[in-house]
Amino acid sequence: MPLFNSQQQHDRGIRWLGTGATVVIELLVLLALAFAVVRYVEWSSDAAQAEFMSATKSSASDLNHLPVSSAPIQPEKDPTCRRER
């Protein structure tokens, strides 16, 4: 039965080789996913910052161009003084 023993040892070698290849592929996929997540977070952060900066610039320019009301400003009436009808 030496043929059976040598065949069994050869199968173990193939299993280790297959397991090693699977681990390497899984690590490569994990690294690719991690890289994609980091790039997405950087991209979304840049996009959010650009949106915030454009909103800040527009609101700052709006402060310089406040609308002028045509209605005269009236002083607030004293709440303790009531008008009778």
C-alpha atoms as a PDB file:
ATOM      1  CA  MET A   1       0.000   0.000   0.000  1.00  0.00           C
ATOM      2  CA  PRO A   2       2.823   2.500  -0.473  1.00  0.00           C
ATOM      3  CA  LEU A   3       0.984   3.913  -3.480  1.00  0.00           C
ATOM      4  CA  PHE A   4      -1.966   4.875  -1.300  1.00  0.00           C
ATOM      5  CA  ASN A   5       0.253   6.621   1.277  1.00  0.00           C
ATOM      6  CA  SER A   6       2.140   8.651  -1.348  1.00  0.00           C
ATOM      7  CA  GLN A   7      -1.162   9.624  -2.994  1.00  0.00           C
ATOM      8  CA  GLN A   8      -2.513  10.812   0.376  1.00  0.00           C
ATOM      9  CA  GLN A   9       0.593  12.945   1.054  1.00  0.00           C
ATOM     10  CA  HIS A  10       0.340  14.444  -2.423  1.00  0.00           C
ATOM     11  CA  ASP A  11      -3.325  15.364  -1.780  1.00  0.00           C
ATOM     12  CA  ARG A  12      -2.323  17.120   1.463  1.00  0.00           C
ATOM     13  CA  GLY A  13       0.203  19.213  -0.446  1.00  0.00           C
ATOM     14  CA  ILE A  14      -2.435  20.250  -2.950  1.00  0.00           C
ATOM     15  CA  ARG A  15      -4.817  21.162  -0.118  1.00  0.00           C
ATOM     16  CA  TRP A  16      -2.207  23.401   1.521  1.00  0.00           C
ATOM     17  CA  LEU A  17      -1.442  25.014  -1.803  1.00  0.00           C
ATOM     18  CA  GLY A  18      -5.133  25.627  -2.433  1.00  0.00           C
ATOM     19  CA  THR A  19      -5.638  26.979   1.086  1.00  0.00           C
ATOM     20  CA  GLY A  20      -2.664  29.311   0.719  1.00  0.00           C
ATOM     21  CA  ALA A  21      -3.915  30.590  -2.621  1.00  0.00           C
ATOM     22  CA  THR A  22      -7.380  31.170  -1.152  1.00  0.00           C
ATOM     23  CA  VAL A  23      -5.921  33.131   1.782  1.00  0.00           C
ATOM     24  CA  VAL A  24      -3.826  35.290  -0.570  1.00  0.00           C
ATOM     25  CA  ILE A  25      -6.844  36.016  -2.771  1.00  0.00           C
ATOM     26  CA  GLU A  26      -8.974  36.854   0.280  1.00  0.00           C
ATOM     27  CA  LEU A  27      -6.293  39.254   1.540  1.00  0.00           C
ATOM     28  CA  LEU A  28      -6.094  40.942  -1.857  1.00  0.00           C
ATOM     29  CA  VAL A  29      -9.871  41.369  -1.951  1.00  0.00           C
ATOM     30  CA  LEU A  30      -9.834  42.723   1.609  1.00  0.00           C
ATOM     31  CA  LEU A  31      -7.094  45.237   0.727  1.00  0.00           C
ATOM     32  CA  ALA A  32      -8.974  46.311  -2.401  1.00  0.00           C
ATOM     33  CA  LEU A  33     -12.158  46.865  -0.380  1.00  0.00           C
ATOM     34  CA  ALA A  34     -10.272  48.803   2.289  1.00  0.00           C
ATOM     35  CA  PHE A  35      -8.672  50.996  -0.392  1.00  0.00           C
ATOM     36  CA  ALA A  36     -12.089  51.596  -1.995  1.00  0.00           C
ATOM     37  CA  VAL A  37     -13.641  52.577   1.352  1.00  0.00           C
ATOM     38  CA  VAL A  38     -10.811  54.988   2.153  1.00  0.00           C
ATOM     39  CA  ARG A  39     -11.044  56.597  -1.294  1.00  0.00           C
ATOM     40  CA  TYR A  40     -14.840  56.920  -0.975  1.00  0.00           C
ATOM     41  CA  VAL A  41     -14.540  58.594   2.429  1.00  0.00           C
ATOM     42  CA  GLU A  42     -11.926  61.012   1.070  1.00  0.00           C
ATOM     43  CA  TRP A  43     -14.074  61.766  -1.983  1.00  0.00           C
ATOM     44  CA  SER A  44     -17.248  62.322   0.022  1.00  0.00           C
ATOM     45  CA  SER A  45     -15.368  64.495   2.499  1.00  0.00           C
ATOM     46  CA  ASP A  46     -13.969  66.627  -0.322  1.00  0.00           C
ATOM     47  CA  ALA A  47     -17.431  66.911  -1.872  1.00  0.00           C
ATOM     48  CA  ALA A  48     -19.012  67.890   1.447  1.00  0.00           C
ATOM     49  CA  GLN A  49     -16.288  70.438   2.105  1.00  0.00           C
ATOM     50  CA  ALA A  50     -16.731  71.960  -1.355  1.00  0.00           C
ATOM     51  CA  GLU A  51     -20.494  72.153  -0.831  1.00  0.00           C
ATOM     52  CA  PHE A  52     -19.997  73.756   2.583  1.00  0.00           C
ATOM     53  CA  MET A  53     -17.517  76.281   1.214  1.00  0.00           C
ATOM     54  CA  SER A  54     -19.840  77.255  -1.644  1.00  0.00           C
ATOM     55  CA  ALA A  55     -22.730  77.669   0.798  1.00  0.00           C
ATOM     56  CA  THR A  56     -20.536  79.753   3.098  1.00  0.00           C
ATOM     57  CA  LYS A  57     -19.431  81.987   0.252  1.00  0.00           C
ATOM     58  CA  SER A  58     -23.005  82.554  -0.938  1.00  0.00           C
ATOM     59  CA  SER A  59     -24.284  83.332   2.560  1.00  0.00           C
ATOM     60  CA  ALA A  60     -21.376  85.739   3.149  1.00  0.00           C
ATOM     61  CA  SER A  61     -22.154  87.553  -0.075  1.00  0.00           C
ATOM     62  CA  ASP A  62     -25.843  87.650   0.898  1.00  0.00           C
ATOM     63  CA  LEU A  63     -24.934  89.567   4.062  1.00  0.00           C
ATOM     64  CA  ASN A  64     -23.444  92.347   1.941  1.00  0.00           C
ATOM     65  CA  HIS A  65     -26.611  92.571  -0.139  1.00  0.00           C
ATOM     66  CA  LEU A  66     -29.375  92.577   2.431  1.00  0.00           C
ATOM     67  CA  PRO A  67     -32.778  93.494   1.021  1.00  0.00           C
ATOM     68  CA  VAL A  68     -34.014  96.925   2.007  1.00  0.00           C
ATOM     69  CA  SER A  69     -37.544  96.990   3.297  1.00  0.00           C
ATOM     70  CA  SER A  70     -39.837  99.693   1.963  1.00  0.00           C
ATOM     71  CA  ALA A  71     -41.975  99.606   5.119  1.00  0.00           C
ATOM     72  CA  PRO A  72     -40.857 101.954   7.875  1.00  0.00           C
ATOM     73  CA  ILE A  73     -39.581 100.351  11.050  1.00  0.00           C
ATOM     74  CA  GLN A  74     -41.906 100.988  13.973  1.00  0.00           C
ATOM     75  CA  PRO A  75     -40.769 100.766  17.571  1.00  0.00           C
ATOM     76  CA  GLU A  76     -42.125  97.870  19.583  1.00  0.00           C
ATOM     77  CA  LYS A  77     -45.141  98.804  21.673  1.00  0.00           C
ATOM     78  CA  ASP A  78     -45.064  98.421  25.403  1.00  0.00           C
ATOM     79  CA  PRO A  79     -47.004  95.201  26.219  1.00  0.00           C
ATOM     80  CA  THR A  80     -48.259  96.703  29.495  1.00  0.00           C
ATOM     81  CA  CYS A  81     -49.971  99.510  27.645  1.00  0.00           C
ATOM     82  CA  ARG A  82     -53.126  98.195  25.951  1.00  0.00           C
ATOM     83  CA  ARG A  83     -55.406  99.993  23.609  1.00  0.00           C
ATOM     84  CA  GLU A  84     -59.056  99.864  24.471  1.00  0.00           C
ATOM     85  CA  ARG A  85     -61.596  99.278  21.755  1.00  0.00           C
END
